Amino acid sequence: MQHKPKVLFLSAWYPNCYDAMAGLFVRKHAEAASLYADVCVLYLHLDDKADSIRIVEQKAGAVKEILVYIPFKSNKFALGVNFLRGFKKGYKIVKQHFGQPDVIQVNTLTRNGVLAWLLKNFRGIPYVVVEHWTRYLPQNFHYKGFLRRRATEVVARAAKRIMPVSTMLQRAMIEQGIKGDYRLVYNIVDDFFYTTQRKKSNNTKKRILHVSCFLDRQKNISGILQAIKELSRRRSDFELVMVGTGIDFDILRAFACELEIPDSIVHWTGEQTPQEVAQIFADSDMFVMFSHFETACVVVMESLASGVPLVATPTGIVPDFVDDSNGLIVEAGDVAGLAEKIDYILDHLSEYDSATISQKAELFKSASVGKQLYEEYVRALNM
């Protein structure tokens, strides 16, 4: 192509006035794509606090963002009407201030996929799909309802490409009968995770790190705490740093007290900025993730980018990227196994080379992912 393609992102999740972290991975994809294409995001937010449609136009780097806040109605018909009205108003602004898109990227099915399907059939605009949702995984299965399933299948078949963010998610989608032309695309790790200087191994205690949103049903942080309690019976030369906050934060702190884990072992930092998280990774000796399910698991990607060995369950990208050179895999729910594998890595830290670990994570860089997305846009337009 002689010009940069105009790409419209339609996303189910995106940073908004109520939650700056929601769908942050989609914004990173948009910013990565903007290295090679002109990108505009149209995000429709169902807002139970709004009485009328409100539209916000803003920019994130080179990406134009149009956020449409749509009054939420309990009546499904009224909600559907409002949603279509909001889309019509938002898309009018897209055409006025961005122009007719050449290609659409749908981020998470199904509702926005139906919009893209309509634009393809009535405006001739091809679309690709990037999928992040855990709803297809058997551990968190929410892919239900006859209409939703049929609509998803129709949208998937008409997409030029379907791009799940892990092999595990792709397999789950195919097992649910979602047929299409598949290719993996990875989530993005900020460049500063690769460049933040790793510390020398001179911690008074070997530092184990966990970063998450503190949703225990998914992340099984209580299992991590149980493993740490077991490990504390064997050795005292380590500490656990817990980064983040979330719905179960206070419950989990209380659980650590119930287990009688000494305060000198577990440290709770609360929420940190991405740059602060990168520095904490650089100052840590190993990372632990004990989730029951993930679609990608960005924190595992950040650990690899930072050159930090890890113990993780075989979820998200873990089966594809974690091996003896960068960590160990433990089965979900196996608390005793988790304690054993943490114990092993703590005794063999010198055998893990940070540069080798980080090099394997080059595929998660913004430029790499952005180029892959661009290739898919060109392919969609030339098919």
Protein backbone atom coordinates (compact mmCIF):
# COMPACT_ATOMS: atom_id res chain seq x y z
CA MET A 1 0.00 0.00 0.00
CA GLN A 2 1.13 3.55 -0.75
CA HIS A 3 -0.47 5.10 2.34
CA LYS A 4 -0.91 4.15 5.95
CA PRO A 5 -4.14 2.21 6.39
CA LYS A 6 -6.80 3.85 8.52
CA VAL A 7 -7.69 1.39 11.28
CA LEU A 8 -10.71 1.67 13.55
CA PHE A 9 -10.57 -0.20 16.86
CA LEU A 10 -13.93 -1.32 18.24
CA SER A 11 -13.31 -2.50 21.78
CA ALA A 12 -15.41 -4.07 24.51
CA TRP A 13 -12.96 -2.78 27.14
CA TYR A 14 -10.93 0.42 27.22
CA PRO A 15 -9.57 2.90 29.80
CA ASN A 16 -12.39 5.26 30.74
CA CYS A 17 -13.40 7.89 33.29
CA TYR A 18 -14.44 5.18 35.79
CA ASP A 19 -11.49 2.81 35.40
CA ALA A 20 -8.17 3.95 33.96
CA MET A 21 -6.86 0.37 33.91
CA ALA A 22 -9.77 -1.29 32.10
CA GLY A 23 -8.67 -2.63 28.72
CA LEU A 24 -5.23 -1.05 29.03
CA PHE A 25 -3.86 -3.92 26.93
CA VAL A 26 -6.15 -2.76 24.06
CA ARG A 27 -4.76 0.78 24.24
CA LYS A 28 -1.25 -0.69 24.06
CA HIS A 29 -2.25 -2.61 20.92
CA ALA A 30 -3.65 0.61 19.45
CA GLU A 31 -0.46 2.52 20.25
CA ALA A 32 1.64 -0.29 18.76
CA ALA A 33 -0.47 -0.34 15.59
CA SER A 34 -0.13 3.45 15.32
CA LEU A 35 3.59 2.97 14.62
CA TYR A 36 2.57 1.64 11.20
CA ALA A 37 -1.03 2.81 10.65
CA ASP A 38 -3.42 5.66 11.44
CA VAL A 39 -5.50 4.44 14.38
CA CYS A 40 -8.77 5.59 15.91
CA VAL A 41 -10.55 3.89 18.82
CA LEU A 42 -14.32 3.91 19.20
CA TYR A 43 -15.29 2.66 22.65
CA LEU A 44 -18.93 2.29 23.73
CA HIS A 45 -19.34 2.26 27.51
CA LEU A 46 -22.64 1.19 29.06
CA ASP A 47 -22.98 3.70 31.89
CA ASP A 48 -25.45 3.19 34.74
CA LYS A 49 -24.74 6.75 35.91
CA ALA A 50 -25.60 8.48 32.63
CA ASP A 51 -29.00 9.95 31.72
CA SER A 52 -28.06 10.74 28.13
CA ILE A 53 -25.38 9.85 25.60
CA ARG A 54 -22.11 11.64 26.33
CA ILE A 55 -19.13 11.65 23.95
CA VAL A 56 -15.51 12.38 24.87
CA GLU A 57 -12.81 12.91 22.24
CA GLN A 58 -9.18 12.64 23.30
CA LYS A 59 -5.76 11.39 22.19
CA ALA A 60 -3.29 8.87 23.58
CA GLY A 61 -0.05 9.48 21.72
CA ALA A 62 -0.88 9.17 18.01
CA VAL A 63 -4.15 7.35 18.69
CA LYS A 64 -7.44 9.25 18.44
CA GLU A 65 -9.95 8.02 21.03
CA ILE A 66 -13.71 8.50 20.91
CA LEU A 67 -15.43 7.34 24.10
CA VAL A 68 -19.22 7.14 24.02
CA TYR A 69 -20.98 6.84 27.39
CA ILE A 70 -24.38 5.23 26.84
CA PRO A 71 -27.20 5.17 29.44
CA PHE A 72 -27.59 1.64 30.79
CA LYS A 73 -31.15 0.32 30.76
CA SER A 74 -32.42 -2.84 32.44
CA ASN A 75 -34.84 -3.33 29.56
CA LYS A 76 -32.85 -5.22 26.91
CA PHE A 77 -34.72 -3.68 23.99
CA ALA A 78 -34.15 -0.14 25.29
CA LEU A 79 -30.52 -0.98 25.99
CA GLY A 80 -30.07 -2.26 22.44
CA VAL A 81 -31.63 0.88 21.00
CA ASN A 82 -29.36 3.08 23.13
CA PHE A 83 -26.31 1.06 22.12
CA LEU A 84 -27.04 1.47 18.41
CA ARG A 85 -27.75 5.18 18.88
CA GLY A 86 -24.45 5.59 20.69
CA PHE A 87 -22.60 3.71 17.97
CA LYS A 88 -24.23 5.82 15.24
CA LYS A 89 -23.23 9.07 16.97
CA GLY A 90 -19.70 7.84 17.64
CA TYR A 91 -19.18 6.51 14.13
CA LYS A 92 -20.36 9.83 12.68
CA ILE A 93 -17.53 11.54 14.57
CA VAL A 94 -15.09 8.89 13.32
CA LYS A 95 -15.97 9.71 9.72
CA GLN A 96 -15.86 13.48 10.34
CA HIS A 97 -12.57 13.70 12.22
CA PHE A 98 -10.72 10.53 11.17
CA GLY A 99 -12.25 9.52 7.86
CA GLN A 100 -13.72 6.29 6.56
CA PRO A 101 -11.66 3.43 8.02
CA ASP A 102 -9.93 1.00 5.66
CA VAL A 103 -10.05 -1.86 8.13
CA ILE A 104 -11.57 -2.54 11.55
CA GLN A 105 -9.99 -4.32 14.50
CA VAL A 106 -12.56 -5.84 16.85
CA ASN A 107 -11.20 -6.26 20.35
CA THR A 108 -13.20 -8.98 22.12
CA LEU A 109 -16.38 -10.50 20.74
CA THR A 110 -19.37 -10.47 20.42
CA ARG A 111 -21.28 -7.16 20.47
CA ASN A 112 -18.62 -5.09 18.71
CA GLY A 113 -18.07 -7.94 16.27
CA VAL A 114 -21.68 -7.62 15.13
CA LEU A 115 -21.09 -3.89 14.47
CA ALA A 116 -18.01 -4.74 12.40
CA TRP A 117 -19.96 -7.42 10.54
CA LEU A 118 -22.62 -4.82 9.65
CA LEU A 119 -19.98 -2.35 8.44
CA LYS A 120 -18.40 -5.08 6.33
CA ASN A 121 -21.68 -5.99 4.69
CA PHE A 122 -23.03 -2.44 4.20
CA ARG A 123 -19.80 -0.43 3.76
CA GLY A 124 -17.39 -3.08 2.47
CA ILE A 125 -14.91 -2.57 5.33
CA PRO A 126 -12.98 -5.76 6.22
CA TYR A 127 -12.24 -6.59 9.85
CA VAL A 128 -9.93 -8.66 12.03
CA VAL A 129 -10.59 -9.85 15.59
CA VAL A 130 -8.27 -9.83 18.60
CA GLU A 131 -9.63 -11.90 21.47
CA HIS A 132 -8.66 -11.62 25.15
CA TRP A 133 -11.66 -12.98 27.05
CA THR A 134 -11.40 -15.86 29.53
CA ARG A 135 -15.05 -16.81 28.97
CA TYR A 136 -14.12 -19.64 26.56
CA LEU A 137 -11.83 -21.36 29.08
CA PRO A 138 -13.40 -24.32 30.92
CA GLN A 139 -12.22 -22.91 34.28
CA ASN A 140 -14.20 -19.70 33.73
CA PHE A 141 -16.81 -20.72 31.18
CA HIS A 142 -19.31 -17.97 30.30
CA TYR A 143 -19.72 -18.57 26.57
CA LYS A 144 -23.42 -19.40 26.75
CA GLY A 145 -26.72 -18.51 25.10
CA PHE A 146 -27.95 -19.61 21.69
CA LEU A 147 -28.02 -16.12 20.13
CA ARG A 148 -24.61 -15.14 21.49
CA ARG A 149 -23.00 -18.35 20.22
CA ARG A 150 -24.59 -18.13 16.77
CA ALA A 151 -23.71 -14.45 16.41
CA THR A 152 -20.12 -15.16 17.47
CA GLU A 153 -19.82 -17.94 14.90
CA VAL A 154 -21.15 -15.71 12.11
CA VAL A 155 -18.81 -12.85 13.03
CA ALA A 156 -15.80 -15.19 13.31
CA ARG A 157 -16.37 -16.78 9.91
CA ALA A 158 -16.53 -13.37 8.21
CA ALA A 159 -13.37 -12.03 9.91
CA LYS A 160 -10.22 -11.85 7.81
CA ARG A 161 -8.26 -13.12 10.80
CA ILE A 162 -8.95 -14.15 14.41
CA MET A 163 -6.04 -13.41 16.75
CA PRO A 164 -6.23 -14.86 20.28
CA VAL A 165 -3.52 -13.76 22.70
CA SER A 166 -2.37 -17.29 23.58
CA THR A 167 -2.38 -20.81 22.18
CA MET A 168 -4.52 -21.90 25.12
CA LEU A 169 -7.22 -19.35 24.28
CA GLN A 170 -7.12 -20.28 20.58
CA ARG A 171 -7.59 -23.95 21.44
CA ALA A 172 -10.52 -23.14 23.74
CA MET A 173 -12.23 -21.05 21.02
CA ILE A 174 -11.84 -23.77 18.42
CA GLU A 175 -13.18 -26.37 20.85
CA GLN A 176 -16.28 -24.19 21.23
CA GLY A 177 -16.92 -24.41 17.50
CA ILE A 178 -15.68 -20.91 16.59
CA LYS A 179 -14.31 -21.45 13.10
CA GLY A 180 -12.07 -18.97 11.36
CA ASP A 181 -8.58 -18.17 10.12
CA TYR A 182 -6.46 -18.07 13.29
CA ARG A 183 -3.11 -16.51 14.12
CA LEU A 184 -1.67 -15.69 17.54
CA VAL A 185 -0.94 -12.13 18.57
CA TYR A 186 0.69 -11.31 21.89
CA ASN A 187 -0.12 -8.67 24.44
CA ILE A 188 2.48 -5.96 24.89
CA VAL A 189 5.10 -5.39 27.55
CA ASP A 190 6.25 -1.78 27.95
CA ASP A 191 9.80 -1.18 26.74
CA PHE A 192 10.99 -0.03 30.15
CA PHE A 193 10.60 -3.57 31.53
CA TYR A 194 13.40 -4.58 29.14
CA THR A 195 15.65 -1.61 29.91
CA THR A 196 15.29 -1.14 33.69
CA GLN A 197 18.66 -2.10 35.17
CA ARG A 198 18.65 -5.46 36.95
CA LYS A 199 20.11 -5.37 40.44
CA LYS A 200 23.04 -7.41 41.60
CA SER A 201 21.99 -10.34 43.78
CA ASN A 202 22.71 -8.64 47.07
CA ASN A 203 19.31 -8.64 48.79
CA THR A 204 19.55 -9.40 52.48
CA LYS A 205 16.79 -11.90 51.74
CA LYS A 206 15.96 -13.53 48.44
CA ARG A 207 12.98 -11.62 47.09
CA ILE A 208 9.93 -13.42 45.66
CA LEU A 209 7.48 -11.20 43.78
CA HIS A 210 3.78 -11.48 42.99
CA VAL A 211 1.83 -8.85 41.02
CA SER A 212 -1.90 -9.08 40.35
CA CYS A 213 -5.37 -7.58 40.69
CA PHE A 214 -6.03 -9.62 43.89
CA LEU A 215 -9.00 -11.60 42.62
CA ASP A 216 -8.47 -14.83 44.52
CA ARG A 217 -10.99 -16.90 42.54
CA GLN A 218 -8.75 -16.52 39.51
CA LYS A 219 -5.29 -15.71 40.87
CA ASN A 220 -5.30 -18.16 43.83
CA ILE A 221 -3.23 -15.83 45.97
CA SER A 222 -4.42 -17.70 49.04
CA GLY A 223 -2.62 -20.72 47.59
CA ILE A 224 0.57 -18.67 47.25
CA LEU A 225 0.29 -17.64 50.92
CA GLN A 226 -0.18 -21.27 51.97
CA ALA A 227 2.92 -22.26 50.01
CA ILE A 228 4.89 -19.41 51.59
CA LYS A 229 3.78 -20.55 55.04
CA GLU A 230 5.02 -24.07 54.25
CA LEU A 231 8.29 -22.66 52.91
CA SER A 232 8.78 -20.58 56.07
CA ARG A 233 8.96 -23.82 58.06
CA ARG A 234 12.02 -24.85 56.03
CA ARG A 235 13.97 -21.63 55.58
CA SER A 236 14.04 -17.97 56.57
CA ASP A 237 16.25 -16.45 53.86
CA PHE A 238 13.43 -15.07 51.69
CA GLU A 239 10.64 -12.51 51.55
CA LEU A 240 7.46 -12.19 49.49
CA VAL A 241 6.54 -8.82 47.98
CA MET A 242 2.85 -8.52 47.02
CA VAL A 243 2.16 -5.74 44.50
CA GLY A 244 -1.30 -4.55 43.54
CA THR A 245 -4.76 -4.15 44.96
CA GLY A 246 -8.23 -5.44 44.26
CA ILE A 247 -11.48 -6.82 45.61
CA ASP A 248 -9.83 -9.48 47.81
CA PHE A 249 -6.86 -7.43 49.02
CA ASP A 250 -8.03 -7.01 52.65
CA ILE A 251 -9.32 -10.60 52.80
CA LEU A 252 -5.95 -11.93 51.71
CA ARG A 253 -4.04 -9.79 54.19
CA ALA A 254 -6.29 -11.17 56.91
CA PHE A 255 -5.69 -14.71 55.62
CA ALA A 256 -1.92 -14.18 55.86
CA CYS A 257 -2.44 -13.22 59.52
CA GLU A 258 -4.55 -16.35 60.09
CA LEU A 259 -1.71 -18.44 58.69
CA GLU A 260 0.61 -16.63 61.12
CA ILE A 261 3.07 -15.70 58.40
CA PRO A 262 5.54 -13.27 60.03
CA ASP A 263 5.29 -9.63 58.90
CA SER A 264 9.01 -9.82 58.12
CA ILE A 265 8.25 -12.30 55.32
CA VAL A 266 5.25 -10.79 53.48
CA HIS A 267 5.23 -7.15 52.36
CA TRP A 268 2.15 -5.51 50.76
CA THR A 269 2.92 -2.51 48.56
CA GLY A 270 -0.56 -1.72 47.22
CA GLU A 271 -1.01 -0.40 43.69
CA GLN A 272 2.12 0.81 41.88
CA THR A 273 2.71 2.62 38.59
CA PRO A 274 3.97 0.51 35.66
CA GLN A 275 7.40 2.12 35.98
CA GLU A 276 7.48 1.29 39.69
CA VAL A 277 6.47 -2.31 38.93
CA ALA A 278 9.33 -2.55 36.43
CA GLN A 279 11.76 -1.40 39.11
CA ILE A 280 10.36 -3.88 41.64
CA PHE A 281 10.82 -6.67 39.07
CA ALA A 282 14.41 -5.51 38.56
CA ASP A 283 14.98 -5.68 42.32
CA SER A 284 13.47 -9.16 42.71
CA ASP A 285 15.04 -12.60 42.48
CA MET A 286 12.03 -14.57 41.23
CA PHE A 287 8.34 -14.23 40.37
CA VAL A 288 5.39 -16.47 41.25
CA MET A 289 2.00 -16.84 39.52
CA PHE A 290 -0.50 -19.47 40.75
CA SER A 291 -3.61 -18.65 38.71
CA HIS A 292 -6.37 -21.13 37.99
CA PHE A 293 -6.89 -19.55 34.55
CA GLU A 294 -5.47 -16.79 32.34
CA THR A 295 -5.78 -15.90 28.66
CA ALA A 296 -2.30 -14.36 28.36
CA CYS A 297 -1.00 -13.27 31.81
CA VAL A 298 0.86 -10.04 31.18
CA VAL A 299 2.71 -10.20 34.51
CA VAL A 300 4.39 -13.44 33.40
CA MET A 301 5.39 -11.63 30.20
CA GLU A 302 6.76 -8.75 32.30
CA SER A 303 8.76 -11.18 34.43
CA LEU A 304 10.35 -12.69 31.32
CA ALA A 305 11.02 -9.25 29.81
CA SER A 306 12.68 -8.23 33.09
CA GLY A 307 14.90 -11.31 33.05
CA VAL A 308 13.39 -12.72 36.26
CA PRO A 309 12.92 -16.51 36.62
CA LEU A 310 9.49 -17.67 37.73
CA VAL A 311 7.21 -20.43 38.91
CA ALA A 312 3.81 -20.39 37.18
CA THR A 313 0.80 -22.54 36.41
CA PRO A 314 0.31 -23.73 32.79
CA THR A 315 -2.12 -20.97 31.85
CA GLY A 316 -2.00 -18.19 29.26
CA ILE A 317 1.36 -17.97 27.47
CA VAL A 318 3.15 -20.08 30.11
CA PRO A 319 3.10 -23.43 28.22
CA ASP A 320 4.57 -21.69 25.15
CA PHE A 321 7.33 -19.70 26.85
CA VAL A 322 8.33 -21.13 30.24
CA ASP A 323 10.97 -23.86 30.27
CA ASP A 324 14.04 -24.90 32.27
CA SER A 325 15.96 -21.83 31.06
CA ASN A 326 13.61 -19.35 32.74
CA GLY A 327 11.55 -21.13 35.38
CA LEU A 328 9.32 -24.00 36.39
CA ILE A 329 5.68 -24.93 35.80
CA VAL A 330 3.43 -26.11 38.64
CA GLU A 331 -0.07 -27.52 38.31
CA ALA A 332 -2.90 -25.19 39.40
CA GLY A 333 -3.95 -25.83 42.99
CA ASP A 334 -0.87 -27.86 43.92
CA VAL A 335 0.23 -25.89 46.99
CA ALA A 336 2.85 -28.44 48.07
CA GLY A 337 4.27 -28.48 44.53
CA LEU A 338 4.41 -24.69 44.47
CA ALA A 339 6.39 -24.62 47.72
CA GLU A 340 8.80 -27.24 46.35
CA LYS A 341 9.42 -25.37 43.08
CA ILE A 342 9.91 -22.00 44.80
CA ASP A 343 12.34 -23.74 47.15
CA TYR A 344 14.25 -25.16 44.18
CA ILE A 345 14.57 -21.85 42.32
CA LEU A 346 15.71 -20.03 45.46
CA ASP A 347 18.57 -22.56 45.71
CA HIS A 348 19.47 -22.31 41.99
CA LEU A 349 19.15 -18.59 41.21
CA SER A 350 22.69 -18.43 39.84
CA GLU A 351 21.73 -20.88 37.08
CA TYR A 352 19.22 -18.47 35.50
CA ASP A 353 20.69 -15.92 33.10
CA SER A 354 18.70 -12.68 32.97
CA ALA A 355 19.81 -11.75 29.45
CA THR A 356 18.74 -15.14 28.08
CA ILE A 357 15.37 -14.90 29.82
CA SER A 358 14.74 -11.38 28.53
CA GLN A 359 15.75 -12.23 24.96
CA LYS A 360 13.02 -14.86 24.75
CA ALA A 361 10.44 -12.12 25.46
CA GLU A 362 11.37 -9.90 22.48
CA LEU A 363 8.10 -10.90 20.77
CA PHE A 364 6.16 -8.90 23.38
CA LYS A 365 7.71 -5.56 22.43
CA SER A 366 5.43 -2.87 21.05
CA ALA A 367 7.24 -2.57 17.72
CA SER A 368 7.09 -6.33 17.15
CA VAL A 369 3.37 -6.63 17.93
CA GLY A 370 2.54 -3.47 15.99
CA LYS A 371 4.26 -4.80 12.88
CA GLN A 372 2.33 -8.06 13.14
CA LEU A 373 -0.97 -6.17 13.39
CA TYR A 374 -0.01 -4.02 10.41
CA GLU A 375 0.71 -7.15 8.36
CA GLU A 376 -2.79 -8.38 9.15
CA TYR A 377 -4.36 -5.08 8.07
CA VAL A 378 -2.53 -5.20 4.73
CA ARG A 379 -3.51 -8.84 4.27
CA ALA A 380 -7.16 -8.04 5.01
CA LEU A 381 -7.19 -5.25 2.45
CA ASN A 382 -5.43 -7.26 -0.25
CA MET A 383 -7.42 -10.49 0.06
